[in-house]
Amino acid sequence: NPRQADRLLRQLRQVWPAFKDLPDLSQRVQEAYPRVRVAVTLPAISFDPNSLTDWAARRSGRLLFRSLLEYAAPGGEGGVYQSQVVEWRTEELGRRLVFQLRPDRPGFRPSGAMYSAYDLAQQLLNAADSRAPEYRSEWAAILSRVRVLPPDTVIAELRHPHVRPEGLLCWLPSSGWKLTAQDTGSAWENGPFTRSQQESDGKTTVYLRASAVGSPPQGLAEIEELIFPRSRDAIRALKQGDVDVIDRVNPWELHLLENDPSIVVAQYRVPLVHMLVPNLARALPANRDFRRALLYATDRSRILKAVLNERNLPGCQVISGPLPAGRRFDDPLGYGYDSQIEPRPYQPTLALALAELAYRQSVEIAKKRGLPAPPRQKLVLVHPPHEIAREVCSQIRRQWQLIGWETTLVEIHPGEAKLPADFDFLYVEAAVWDPITDLSRCFSAIRKSEFFPTQVDTLLGLLNQAIDWPDASNRLRTLHRRIYEDTTVVPLWQLSDYYAFRKGVQGLESERVTLYQNVESWRVTKSQER
């Protein structure tokens, strides 16, 4: 039982760390069954490697699925994309996309079927069909027609060039017959790992190497994710050797790991944008003056300093809009961020006046429409159930109390299908890594289009028509200015996250955007003992 052997070995390491044969025994167990235990602070309840708002789905979804195209890193002109499914190129001055299916592309499980050129063609067409569940308006706006050239080539003709069409194609491959049958069930797995139903429970999830069945495993044979509601407990487990990796370390606890020679602390390559998204179906959040009031009532600099434990960490700063500013001044990641727009300052007196004005306006509107008046001085703020969001929202609640507004905090996992109808604001950590494509997709995932400001919606649509990168940057900066003036969302800050691992795990040293980005190349070497 290699799994039990690994667990007993970890216990031995804790109770008898001076045992002289421990390193050799560790090496023998790992060679027989390479296995890594990962501490996670947010479990995955859905699996989508392309999710922009669900950290856990984005992390663990990479184990089960390989996307058609995947965001790999920021580049000089938008994101850098890679694929294990297709090779692609642009022709005709950007008006034609040519896809060549890779011969080593992963097959589907459990059928073992291979993704074909006809499957790809059908997906490209369905994404442009408003009647299909896979419809994507941005792709539909530029696609003209699709051709299949046997055996494995697909050509997509575009109405006009797009500066980064790859960003529109980050979806999961699927069988063509499944799509035409309107089957909207769970996607077929094609990733390097699969879930073990026998070993997974409410506290752990075990992923088995898909290719390990019946043959010697290549790389890791198993990954076990353990849920730690408190990051401090995960740090203790990492130091003791009970886990090998922590997927996310709270910024205020980084100092607990930095002086341990057996542990490496590394920063994810791109930051997340943190913001409060208003429920525009509710009277007060739909009022621009009220959104501004709460923005002025939030001392974002003070909260961010507390989260960072009074340290200056690269890539962490207060922002004025829902776009990444980059980790430094010349970072190409910030190509859409207008640095000339200063974040609004903390002004509680102005916030108090605007909140009162907005409430009176909402009462008058309700009277004219024959509706009940909105509740006075009561708000509901929804946030993910992890420590960073919990700490931030607790401080936001205390600051809103200073202007007389009591706030109820509700924890809901971002993978939950529905939000409560009475929520006022939603705390979101968004992976807006390639704004020219991700910003529209992010807003589509967190808003109700019938209540979205028309001018912002129009500007989002115009992003698709950018003819080159200077034009795309100008359009994004115009959108940034409009969102800032409208306070369409309440921007907070961008935050660079950190992960940690024991030196015995190789493959995690290179920069990454998600934890399992290169999980196929992970290796376990001789454990670094304390």
Protein backbone atom coordinates (compact mmCIF):
# COMPACT_ATOMS: atom_id res chain seq x y z
CA ASN A 1 0.00 0.00 0.00
CA PRO A 2 2.22 2.89 -1.23
CA ARG A 3 -0.18 5.59 -0.01
CA GLN A 4 -0.17 4.17 3.50
CA ALA A 5 3.62 3.81 3.36
CA ASP A 6 3.97 7.51 2.55
CA ARG A 7 1.64 8.52 5.39
CA LEU A 8 3.51 6.37 7.91
CA LEU A 9 6.81 7.76 6.68
CA ARG A 10 5.60 11.32 7.32
CA GLN A 11 4.60 10.34 10.84
CA LEU A 12 8.01 8.78 11.37
CA ARG A 13 9.65 12.01 10.22
CA GLN A 14 7.76 13.93 12.91
CA VAL A 15 8.30 11.57 15.86
CA TRP A 16 11.87 10.43 15.04
CA PRO A 17 13.50 13.04 12.76
CA ALA A 18 17.01 11.87 13.79
CA PHE A 19 16.48 8.33 12.46
CA LYS A 20 19.63 7.76 10.39
CA ASP A 21 17.96 5.73 7.63
CA LEU A 22 15.13 8.22 7.14
CA PRO A 23 16.52 9.90 3.95
CA ASP A 24 17.13 6.55 2.20
CA LEU A 25 13.75 5.22 3.27
CA SER A 26 12.07 8.38 1.99
CA GLN A 27 13.82 7.99 -1.35
CA ARG A 28 12.73 4.35 -1.69
CA VAL A 29 9.07 5.16 -0.95
CA GLN A 30 9.01 8.11 -3.35
CA GLU A 31 10.67 6.14 -6.13
CA ALA A 32 8.09 3.38 -5.74
CA TYR A 33 5.14 5.79 -5.70
CA PRO A 34 5.90 9.51 -6.29
CA ARG A 35 3.32 11.37 -4.25
CA VAL A 36 2.84 14.99 -3.19
CA ARG A 37 0.53 16.42 -0.54
CA VAL A 38 -0.73 19.95 -1.19
CA ALA A 39 -2.28 22.15 1.49
CA VAL A 40 -5.14 24.25 0.10
CA THR A 41 -7.07 26.99 1.86
CA LEU A 42 -10.08 26.82 -0.48
CA PRO A 43 -11.40 23.46 -1.74
CA ALA A 44 -12.57 23.04 -5.31
CA ILE A 45 -16.28 22.34 -5.73
CA SER A 46 -16.14 22.90 -9.49
CA PHE A 47 -13.27 22.39 -11.92
CA ASP A 48 -12.58 25.02 -14.56
CA PRO A 49 -8.96 25.88 -15.38
CA ASN A 50 -10.19 29.01 -17.20
CA SER A 51 -12.27 30.46 -14.36
CA LEU A 52 -11.51 34.14 -13.78
CA THR A 53 -13.17 34.44 -10.37
CA ASP A 54 -12.75 31.04 -8.64
CA TRP A 55 -9.24 30.40 -7.31
CA ALA A 56 -9.92 26.75 -6.42
CA ALA A 57 -11.59 25.86 -9.73
CA ARG A 58 -8.73 27.44 -11.64
CA ARG A 59 -6.13 25.61 -9.54
CA SER A 60 -7.53 22.07 -9.45
CA GLY A 61 -9.22 22.25 -12.84
CA ARG A 62 -5.76 22.21 -14.42
CA LEU A 63 -5.30 18.65 -13.08
CA LEU A 64 -8.42 17.27 -14.77
CA PHE A 65 -8.56 19.30 -17.98
CA ARG A 66 -6.31 20.68 -20.69
CA SER A 67 -7.84 23.67 -22.46
CA LEU A 68 -7.76 24.28 -26.17
CA LEU A 69 -5.45 27.22 -25.44
CA GLU A 70 -4.02 28.18 -22.05
CA TYR A 71 -2.72 31.46 -20.69
CA ALA A 72 0.93 30.82 -19.77
CA ALA A 73 2.51 34.20 -18.97
CA PRO A 74 2.31 37.94 -19.67
CA GLY A 75 4.12 39.03 -22.81
CA GLY A 76 5.21 42.15 -24.63
CA GLU A 77 1.89 42.34 -26.50
CA GLY A 78 -0.82 40.71 -24.43
CA GLY A 79 -0.67 37.24 -22.97
CA VAL A 80 1.49 34.31 -24.05
CA TYR A 81 -0.59 31.21 -24.76
CA GLN A 82 0.29 27.55 -25.10
CA SER A 83 -1.55 24.36 -25.99
CA GLN A 84 -1.15 20.60 -25.69
CA VAL A 85 -4.07 20.14 -28.09
CA VAL A 86 -3.30 22.25 -31.19
CA GLU A 87 -0.63 24.25 -32.91
CA TRP A 88 -1.87 27.46 -34.48
CA ARG A 89 -0.76 30.39 -36.59
CA THR A 90 -2.29 33.51 -38.12
CA GLU A 91 -2.35 34.24 -41.85
CA GLU A 92 -3.76 36.86 -44.20
CA LEU A 93 -2.72 39.74 -41.92
CA GLY A 94 -4.57 38.27 -38.98
CA ARG A 95 -7.82 37.44 -40.80
CA ARG A 96 -7.25 33.69 -40.78
CA LEU A 97 -6.48 31.29 -37.96
CA VAL A 98 -5.03 27.91 -38.91
CA PHE A 99 -5.20 25.11 -36.33
CA GLN A 100 -3.23 21.88 -36.64
CA LEU A 101 -4.14 19.18 -34.12
CA ARG A 102 -1.10 17.83 -32.31
CA PRO A 103 -0.47 14.10 -32.75
CA ASP A 104 0.37 13.79 -29.03
CA ARG A 105 -2.80 15.58 -27.87
CA PRO A 106 -4.52 14.03 -24.83
CA GLY A 107 -7.57 11.85 -25.35
CA PHE A 108 -10.88 12.03 -23.56
CA ARG A 109 -11.74 9.94 -20.52
CA PRO A 110 -13.39 7.55 -20.04
CA SER A 111 -14.04 6.79 -23.72
CA GLY A 112 -10.44 7.16 -24.89
CA ALA A 113 -11.68 9.04 -27.97
CA MET A 114 -9.37 11.57 -29.60
CA TYR A 115 -10.29 15.19 -30.20
CA SER A 116 -10.76 15.52 -33.96
CA ALA A 117 -10.73 18.35 -36.49
CA TYR A 118 -14.51 18.02 -36.79
CA ASP A 119 -14.87 18.38 -33.01
CA LEU A 120 -12.82 21.58 -33.12
CA ALA A 121 -14.78 22.93 -36.10
CA GLN A 122 -18.07 22.23 -34.36
CA GLN A 123 -16.90 24.02 -31.21
CA LEU A 124 -15.78 27.06 -33.19
CA LEU A 125 -19.20 27.22 -34.87
CA ASN A 126 -21.16 26.65 -31.66
CA ALA A 127 -19.27 29.45 -29.91
CA ALA A 128 -20.57 31.79 -32.62
CA ASP A 129 -24.16 30.48 -32.50
CA SER A 130 -26.38 32.46 -30.11
CA ARG A 131 -28.67 29.44 -29.77
CA ALA A 132 -25.91 27.19 -28.46
CA PRO A 133 -25.02 26.96 -24.75
CA GLU A 134 -21.35 27.47 -25.68
CA TYR A 135 -22.07 30.87 -27.28
CA ARG A 136 -19.43 33.58 -26.81
CA SER A 137 -20.38 36.98 -28.15
CA GLU A 138 -16.78 38.17 -28.60
CA TRP A 139 -15.93 35.19 -30.82
CA ALA A 140 -19.21 35.45 -32.73
CA ALA A 141 -18.41 39.07 -33.57
CA ILE A 142 -15.26 38.16 -35.52
CA LEU A 143 -15.89 34.66 -36.94
CA SER A 144 -16.88 34.48 -40.62
CA ARG A 145 -16.67 30.78 -41.50
CA VAL A 146 -14.89 27.53 -40.62
CA ARG A 147 -13.29 24.97 -42.93
CA VAL A 148 -11.86 21.52 -42.25
CA LEU A 149 -8.92 20.22 -44.26
CA PRO A 150 -8.28 16.51 -43.71
CA PRO A 151 -6.77 15.02 -41.81
CA ASP A 152 -6.25 17.36 -38.86
CA THR A 153 -6.38 20.99 -39.99
CA VAL A 154 -9.08 23.54 -39.23
CA ILE A 155 -9.20 27.05 -40.72
CA ALA A 156 -11.21 29.86 -39.13
CA GLU A 157 -11.83 32.86 -41.40
CA LEU A 158 -12.33 36.11 -39.45
CA ARG A 159 -14.35 39.18 -40.42
CA HIS A 160 -11.52 41.38 -39.19
CA PRO A 161 -8.23 40.87 -37.34
CA HIS A 162 -8.16 40.63 -33.56
CA VAL A 163 -5.08 41.67 -31.59
CA ARG A 164 -5.20 38.56 -29.38
CA PRO A 165 -7.65 35.95 -30.74
CA GLU A 166 -5.98 33.28 -28.60
CA GLY A 167 -7.56 34.82 -25.53
CA LEU A 168 -11.01 34.11 -26.96
CA LEU A 169 -10.29 30.39 -27.32
CA CYS A 170 -9.54 29.40 -23.72
CA TRP A 171 -12.20 26.72 -23.46
CA LEU A 172 -12.30 22.98 -22.84
CA PRO A 173 -12.19 20.67 -25.85
CA SER A 174 -15.32 18.60 -26.25
CA SER A 175 -16.70 15.99 -28.59
CA GLY A 176 -18.64 17.35 -31.55
CA TRP A 177 -21.49 14.85 -31.20
CA LYS A 178 -21.86 15.82 -27.57
CA LEU A 179 -22.16 19.49 -28.50
CA THR A 180 -24.71 18.90 -31.24
CA ALA A 181 -26.73 16.72 -28.86
CA GLN A 182 -26.98 19.78 -26.58
CA ASP A 183 -25.45 17.82 -23.72
CA THR A 184 -24.48 20.45 -21.16
CA GLY A 185 -23.35 17.99 -18.49
CA SER A 186 -19.86 17.79 -17.07
CA ALA A 187 -17.01 18.08 -19.54
CA TRP A 188 -14.99 15.06 -20.56
CA GLU A 189 -11.66 14.92 -18.77
CA ASN A 190 -8.44 15.09 -20.77
CA GLY A 191 -5.98 16.28 -18.12
CA PRO A 192 -3.02 14.46 -16.59
CA PHE A 193 -4.89 13.44 -13.42
CA THR A 194 -8.28 12.09 -12.46
CA ARG A 195 -10.10 12.14 -9.13
CA SER A 196 -10.12 9.07 -6.91
CA GLN A 197 -13.67 8.67 -5.67
CA GLN A 198 -12.64 6.17 -2.98
CA GLU A 199 -10.01 8.37 -1.37
CA SER A 200 -11.69 11.78 -1.65
CA ASP A 201 -13.83 13.08 1.20
CA GLY A 202 -14.80 16.41 2.74
CA LYS A 203 -11.27 17.05 4.05
CA THR A 204 -9.04 15.68 1.30
CA THR A 205 -9.20 15.12 -2.44
CA VAL A 206 -6.92 12.59 -4.11
CA TYR A 207 -5.94 12.89 -7.77
CA LEU A 208 -4.38 9.89 -9.51
CA ARG A 209 -2.12 10.10 -12.52
CA ALA A 210 -4.30 9.17 -15.47
CA SER A 211 -1.46 7.35 -17.24
CA ALA A 212 -0.42 5.46 -14.11
CA VAL A 213 -3.06 2.76 -14.53
CA GLY A 214 -1.40 -0.46 -15.69
CA SER A 215 1.98 1.13 -16.44
CA PRO A 216 4.86 2.76 -14.56
CA PRO A 217 3.90 6.39 -13.79
CA GLN A 218 5.70 9.25 -15.44
CA GLY A 219 6.24 12.06 -12.97
CA LEU A 220 3.92 12.09 -9.99
CA ALA A 221 1.61 9.15 -9.44
CA GLU A 222 -0.67 10.97 -7.03
CA ILE A 223 -1.53 14.39 -5.63
CA GLU A 224 -3.47 14.70 -2.40
CA GLU A 225 -5.05 18.06 -1.57
CA LEU A 226 -5.70 18.65 2.12
CA ILE A 227 -8.01 21.46 3.23
CA PHE A 228 -6.62 23.82 5.87
CA PRO A 229 -9.12 26.56 6.83
CA ARG A 230 -6.26 28.37 8.59
CA SER A 231 -3.08 29.16 6.69
CA ARG A 232 -1.08 29.03 9.93
CA ASP A 233 -1.97 25.35 10.34
CA ALA A 234 -0.87 24.67 6.76
CA ILE A 235 2.45 26.40 7.46
CA ARG A 236 2.98 24.22 10.52
CA ALA A 237 2.23 21.10 8.49
CA LEU A 238 4.69 22.20 5.79
CA LYS A 239 7.46 22.75 8.32
CA GLN A 240 6.82 19.35 9.89
CA GLY A 241 6.86 17.62 6.50
CA ASP A 242 3.23 16.52 6.70
CA VAL A 243 2.56 18.42 3.43
CA ASP A 244 4.92 19.32 0.60
CA VAL A 245 3.26 22.40 -0.94
CA ILE A 246 0.97 25.25 0.15
CA ASP A 247 -1.03 26.69 -2.73
CA ARG A 248 -1.58 30.11 -1.12
CA VAL A 249 0.17 31.73 1.84
CA ASN A 250 -1.45 34.67 3.59
CA PRO A 251 0.76 37.75 2.97
CA TRP A 252 0.87 38.62 6.67
CA GLU A 253 2.31 35.16 7.43
CA LEU A 254 5.13 35.05 4.88
CA HIS A 255 7.70 35.79 7.59
CA LEU A 256 6.91 32.45 9.23
CA LEU A 257 8.48 30.63 6.27
CA GLU A 258 11.24 32.92 5.05
CA ASN A 259 13.96 31.73 7.43
CA ASP A 260 13.43 27.99 6.97
CA PRO A 261 16.25 26.58 4.78
CA SER A 262 14.20 23.55 3.71
CA ILE A 263 11.32 25.65 2.29
CA VAL A 264 11.08 27.88 -0.78
CA VAL A 265 8.59 30.76 -0.93
CA ALA A 266 7.75 31.97 -4.44
CA GLN A 267 5.45 34.56 -5.98
CA TYR A 268 2.85 33.81 -8.64
CA ARG A 269 3.73 35.60 -11.85
CA VAL A 270 0.58 37.71 -12.24
CA PRO A 271 -1.49 39.43 -9.53
CA LEU A 272 -5.24 39.23 -8.94
CA VAL A 273 -7.51 42.27 -9.06
CA HIS A 274 -9.65 42.62 -5.92
CA MET A 275 -12.91 44.57 -6.15
CA LEU A 276 -16.45 44.85 -4.85
CA VAL A 277 -19.08 44.15 -7.49
CA PRO A 278 -22.47 45.82 -6.82
CA ASN A 279 -25.74 44.00 -7.23
CA LEU A 280 -27.28 46.50 -9.65
CA ALA A 281 -30.69 44.91 -9.22
CA ARG A 282 -30.81 46.47 -5.73
CA ALA A 283 -31.75 50.11 -5.24
CA LEU A 284 -28.76 51.36 -3.26
CA PRO A 285 -25.92 49.53 -5.07
CA ALA A 286 -27.49 50.71 -8.35
CA ASN A 287 -27.02 54.33 -7.22
CA ARG A 288 -23.71 55.76 -8.41
CA ASP A 289 -23.49 58.21 -5.49
CA PHE A 290 -23.91 55.34 -3.03
CA ARG A 291 -21.15 53.31 -4.70
CA ARG A 292 -18.89 56.35 -4.49
CA ALA A 293 -19.82 56.81 -0.85
CA LEU A 294 -18.67 53.32 0.05
CA LEU A 295 -15.49 53.80 -1.97
CA TYR A 296 -14.68 57.01 -0.05
CA ALA A 297 -15.58 55.22 3.20
CA THR A 298 -13.02 52.44 2.60
CA ASP A 299 -9.47 53.17 3.70
CA ARG A 300 -7.94 50.85 1.13
CA SER A 301 -4.33 51.79 1.84
CA ARG A 302 -4.72 51.00 5.52
CA ILE A 303 -6.37 47.65 4.86
CA LEU A 304 -3.75 46.68 2.29
CA LYS A 305 -0.91 47.57 4.67
CA ALA A 306 -2.51 45.39 7.34
CA VAL A 307 -2.85 42.48 4.89
CA LEU A 308 0.81 42.88 3.87
CA ASN A 309 1.93 43.13 7.51
CA GLU A 310 3.26 46.66 6.88
CA ARG A 311 5.60 45.41 4.14
CA ASN A 312 6.02 46.64 0.57
CA LEU A 313 5.62 43.59 -1.67
CA PRO A 314 6.00 43.84 -5.46
CA GLY A 315 2.74 43.85 -7.37
CA CYS A 316 0.60 44.87 -4.39
CA GLN A 317 -1.00 48.32 -4.61
CA VAL A 318 -4.30 50.20 -4.45
CA ILE A 319 -5.85 50.58 -7.90
CA SER A 320 -8.39 52.87 -9.53
CA GLY A 321 -10.07 50.36 -11.84
CA PRO A 322 -10.63 46.62 -12.44
CA LEU A 323 -7.45 46.16 -14.49
CA PRO A 324 -3.99 45.00 -13.42
CA ALA A 325 -1.38 47.74 -13.06
CA GLY A 326 1.55 45.34 -13.34
CA ARG A 327 4.22 44.54 -10.80
CA ARG A 328 6.42 47.46 -11.80
CA PHE A 329 6.28 50.60 -13.92
CA ASP A 330 7.36 48.94 -17.19
CA ASP A 331 5.47 45.67 -16.72
CA PRO A 332 3.62 44.86 -20.00
CA LEU A 333 0.84 43.30 -17.92
CA GLY A 334 -0.42 46.84 -17.22
CA TYR A 335 -0.96 47.71 -20.89
CA GLY A 336 -4.61 48.62 -20.28
CA TYR A 337 -4.24 50.41 -16.94
CA ASP A 338 -4.28 54.23 -16.99
CA SER A 339 -1.72 55.21 -14.36
CA GLN A 340 -2.77 58.86 -14.63
CA ILE A 341 -6.07 58.03 -12.88
CA GLU A 342 -5.34 58.31 -9.19
CA PRO A 343 -7.30 56.07 -6.80
CA ARG A 344 -9.94 58.01 -4.87
CA PRO A 345 -8.72 58.91 -1.36
CA TYR A 346 -10.23 57.93 1.98
CA GLN A 347 -12.73 60.68 2.87
CA PRO A 348 -15.28 59.46 5.46
CA THR A 349 -16.97 62.86 5.78
CA LEU A 350 -17.70 63.00 2.05
CA ALA A 351 -18.77 59.35 2.20
CA LEU A 352 -21.29 60.14 4.93
CA ALA A 353 -22.84 62.97 2.90
CA LEU A 354 -23.00 60.96 -0.34
CA ALA A 355 -24.54 57.95 1.41
CA GLU A 356 -27.30 60.08 2.90
CA LEU A 357 -27.96 61.79 -0.44
CA ALA A 358 -28.08 58.44 -2.26
CA TYR A 359 -30.48 56.97 0.29
CA ARG A 360 -32.89 59.89 -0.08
CA GLN A 361 -32.73 59.57 -3.87
CA SER A 362 -33.52 55.85 -3.63
CA VAL A 363 -36.49 56.52 -1.32
CA GLU A 364 -37.92 59.06 -3.78
CA ILE A 365 -37.52 56.68 -6.70
CA ALA A 366 -39.17 53.89 -4.74
CA LYS A 367 -42.14 56.13 -3.91
CA LYS A 368 -42.64 57.09 -7.57
CA ARG A 369 -42.60 53.44 -8.59
CA GLY A 370 -44.82 52.32 -5.72
CA LEU A 371 -42.08 50.14 -4.24
CA PRO A 372 -41.02 49.74 -0.60
CA ALA A 373 -38.16 51.93 0.53
CA PRO A 374 -34.74 50.22 0.68
CA PRO A 375 -33.55 49.19 4.16
CA ARG A 376 -31.72 52.01 5.89
CA GLN A 377 -28.16 51.52 7.04
CA LYS A 378 -28.10 47.76 6.33
CA LEU A 379 -25.99 46.02 3.72
CA VAL A 380 -25.06 42.45 2.79
CA LEU A 381 -21.52 41.75 1.60
CA VAL A 382 -20.76 38.31 0.12
CA HIS A 383 -17.18 37.00 0.06
CA PRO A 384 -15.30 33.70 -0.48
CA PRO A 385 -14.71 31.47 2.57
CA HIS A 386 -10.97 31.95 2.98
CA GLU A 387 -8.82 33.99 5.34
CA ILE A 388 -7.70 36.80 3.04
CA ALA A 389 -11.26 37.68 2.01
CA ARG A 390 -12.51 37.15 5.55
CA GLU A 391 -9.94 39.52 7.04
CA VAL A 392 -10.41 42.18 4.35
CA CYS A 393 -14.20 42.16 4.54
CA SER A 394 -14.14 42.34 8.33
CA GLN A 395 -12.08 45.53 8.11
CA ILE A 396 -14.37 46.92 5.39
CA ARG A 397 -17.36 46.28 7.63
CA ARG A 398 -15.77 48.18 10.51
CA GLN A 399 -14.99 51.15 8.28
CA TRP A 400 -18.53 51.24 6.83
CA GLN A 401 -19.87 51.25 10.37
CA LEU A 402 -18.12 54.59 10.88
CA ILE A 403 -20.54 56.20 8.41
CA GLY A 404 -23.53 54.45 9.99
CA TRP A 405 -23.99 51.43 7.70
CA GLU A 406 -24.16 48.02 9.38
CA THR A 407 -22.95 45.22 7.12
CA THR A 408 -23.74 41.53 7.28
CA LEU A 409 -20.97 39.29 5.95
CA VAL A 410 -22.00 36.14 4.12
CA GLU A 411 -19.49 33.49 3.06
CA ILE A 412 -20.25 31.77 -0.23
CA HIS A 413 -17.83 29.69 -2.25
CA PRO A 414 -17.25 31.30 -5.69
CA GLY A 415 -18.11 27.95 -7.27
CA GLU A 416 -21.67 28.08 -5.94
CA ALA A 417 -24.20 28.36 -8.74
CA LYS A 418 -26.41 31.09 -7.25
CA LEU A 419 -26.00 34.10 -5.02
CA PRO A 420 -28.69 35.21 -2.56
CA ALA A 421 -31.10 37.72 -4.11
CA ASP A 422 -30.68 40.19 -1.23
CA PHE A 423 -26.90 40.67 -1.43
CA ASP A 424 -25.63 44.20 -2.08
CA PHE A 425 -21.94 43.70 -2.90
CA LEU A 426 -19.78 40.75 -3.91
CA TYR A 427 -16.08 40.57 -3.06
CA VAL A 428 -14.25 39.26 -6.15
CA GLU A 429 -10.63 38.26 -6.79
CA ALA A 430 -10.43 38.40 -10.58
CA ALA A 431 -7.70 36.96 -12.81
CA VAL A 432 -7.80 39.77 -15.40
CA TRP A 433 -4.46 38.71 -16.86
CA ASP A 434 -5.09 39.64 -20.50
CA PRO A 435 -7.53 42.57 -20.22
CA ILE A 436 -8.31 42.83 -23.95
CA THR A 437 -10.20 39.52 -23.68
CA ASP A 438 -10.54 38.82 -19.95
CA LEU A 439 -12.30 42.01 -18.87
CA SER A 440 -15.45 41.31 -20.89
CA ARG A 441 -15.44 37.67 -19.82
CA CYS A 442 -14.97 38.61 -16.18
CA PHE A 443 -17.89 41.04 -16.18
CA SER A 444 -20.05 38.48 -17.99
CA ALA A 445 -19.38 36.01 -15.20
CA ILE A 446 -20.31 38.34 -12.32
CA ARG A 447 -23.07 40.63 -13.60
CA LYS A 448 -26.63 40.70 -14.83
CA SER A 449 -26.50 42.27 -18.26
CA GLU A 450 -29.95 43.82 -18.03
CA PHE A 451 -28.78 46.08 -15.20
CA PHE A 452 -25.29 46.87 -16.51
CA PRO A 453 -24.50 50.51 -17.45
CA THR A 454 -25.08 50.92 -21.18
CA GLN A 455 -22.01 53.05 -21.87
CA VAL A 456 -19.67 50.60 -20.14
CA ASP A 457 -21.29 47.70 -21.97
CA THR A 458 -20.77 49.51 -25.28
CA LEU A 459 -17.11 50.18 -24.55
CA LEU A 460 -16.59 46.54 -23.61
CA GLY A 461 -17.98 45.54 -27.00
CA LEU A 462 -15.67 47.96 -28.80
CA LEU A 463 -12.60 46.22 -27.38
CA ASN A 464 -13.17 43.48 -29.94
CA GLN A 465 -12.69 45.96 -32.80
CA ALA A 466 -9.18 47.12 -31.88
CA ILE A 467 -6.98 46.95 -34.98
CA ASP A 468 -3.56 47.00 -33.26
CA TRP A 469 -2.03 47.17 -29.80
CA PRO A 470 -1.88 50.99 -29.48
CA ASP A 471 -5.56 51.07 -30.41
CA ALA A 472 -6.35 48.28 -27.92
CA SER A 473 -4.48 50.10 -25.15
CA ASN A 474 -6.33 53.36 -25.89
CA ARG A 475 -9.70 51.60 -25.84
CA LEU A 476 -8.90 49.95 -22.53
CA ARG A 477 -7.81 53.24 -20.99
CA THR A 478 -11.04 54.88 -22.19
CA LEU A 479 -12.96 52.04 -20.58
CA HIS A 480 -10.90 52.42 -17.42
CA ARG A 481 -11.82 56.12 -17.26
CA ARG A 482 -15.52 55.39 -17.78
CA ILE A 483 -15.61 52.70 -15.10
CA TYR A 484 -13.79 55.06 -12.76
CA GLU A 485 -16.27 57.89 -13.35
CA ASP A 486 -19.29 55.60 -13.05
CA THR A 487 -17.82 53.56 -10.16
CA THR A 488 -19.24 50.56 -12.00
CA VAL A 489 -17.32 48.42 -9.52
CA VAL A 490 -15.59 49.43 -6.30
CA PRO A 491 -11.88 48.77 -7.05
CA LEU A 492 -9.76 47.82 -4.07
CA TRP A 493 -6.22 46.70 -4.96
CA GLN A 494 -4.18 44.22 -6.89
CA LEU A 495 -2.52 41.54 -4.79
CA SER A 496 0.34 39.24 -5.76
CA ASP A 497 -0.08 35.84 -4.12
CA TYR A 498 2.60 33.46 -2.87
CA TYR A 499 3.00 29.72 -2.65
CA ALA A 500 5.52 27.63 -0.72
CA PHE A 501 7.06 24.19 -1.14
CA ARG A 502 9.69 21.91 0.33
CA LYS A 503 12.95 21.71 -1.58
CA GLY A 504 12.41 18.02 -2.24
CA VAL A 505 9.72 18.88 -4.80
CA GLN A 506 11.21 19.86 -8.15
CA GLY A 507 9.39 21.69 -10.93
CA LEU A 508 7.98 24.50 -8.81
CA GLU A 509 11.01 26.77 -9.09
CA SER A 510 9.97 28.37 -12.40
CA GLU A 511 7.50 31.25 -12.49
CA ARG A 512 3.87 30.25 -12.89
CA VAL A 513 0.40 31.77 -13.10
CA THR A 514 -1.33 28.81 -11.41
CA LEU A 515 0.05 26.16 -9.09
CA TYR A 516 -0.31 23.16 -11.42
CA GLN A 517 0.72 24.94 -14.62
CA ASN A 518 3.56 22.48 -15.27
CA VAL A 519 2.44 19.62 -13.01
CA GLU A 520 3.45 17.03 -15.62
CA SER A 521 7.12 17.89 -14.96
CA TRP A 522 6.97 17.77 -11.14
CA ARG A 523 9.41 15.36 -9.53
CA VAL A 524 10.12 14.33 -5.94
CA THR A 525 13.75 13.95 -4.89
CA LYS A 526 15.42 13.08 -1.62
CA SER A 527 13.55 14.86 1.16
CA GLN A 528 15.24 17.82 2.80
CA GLU A 529 15.21 16.92 6.46
CA ARG A 530 15.00 19.49 9.25
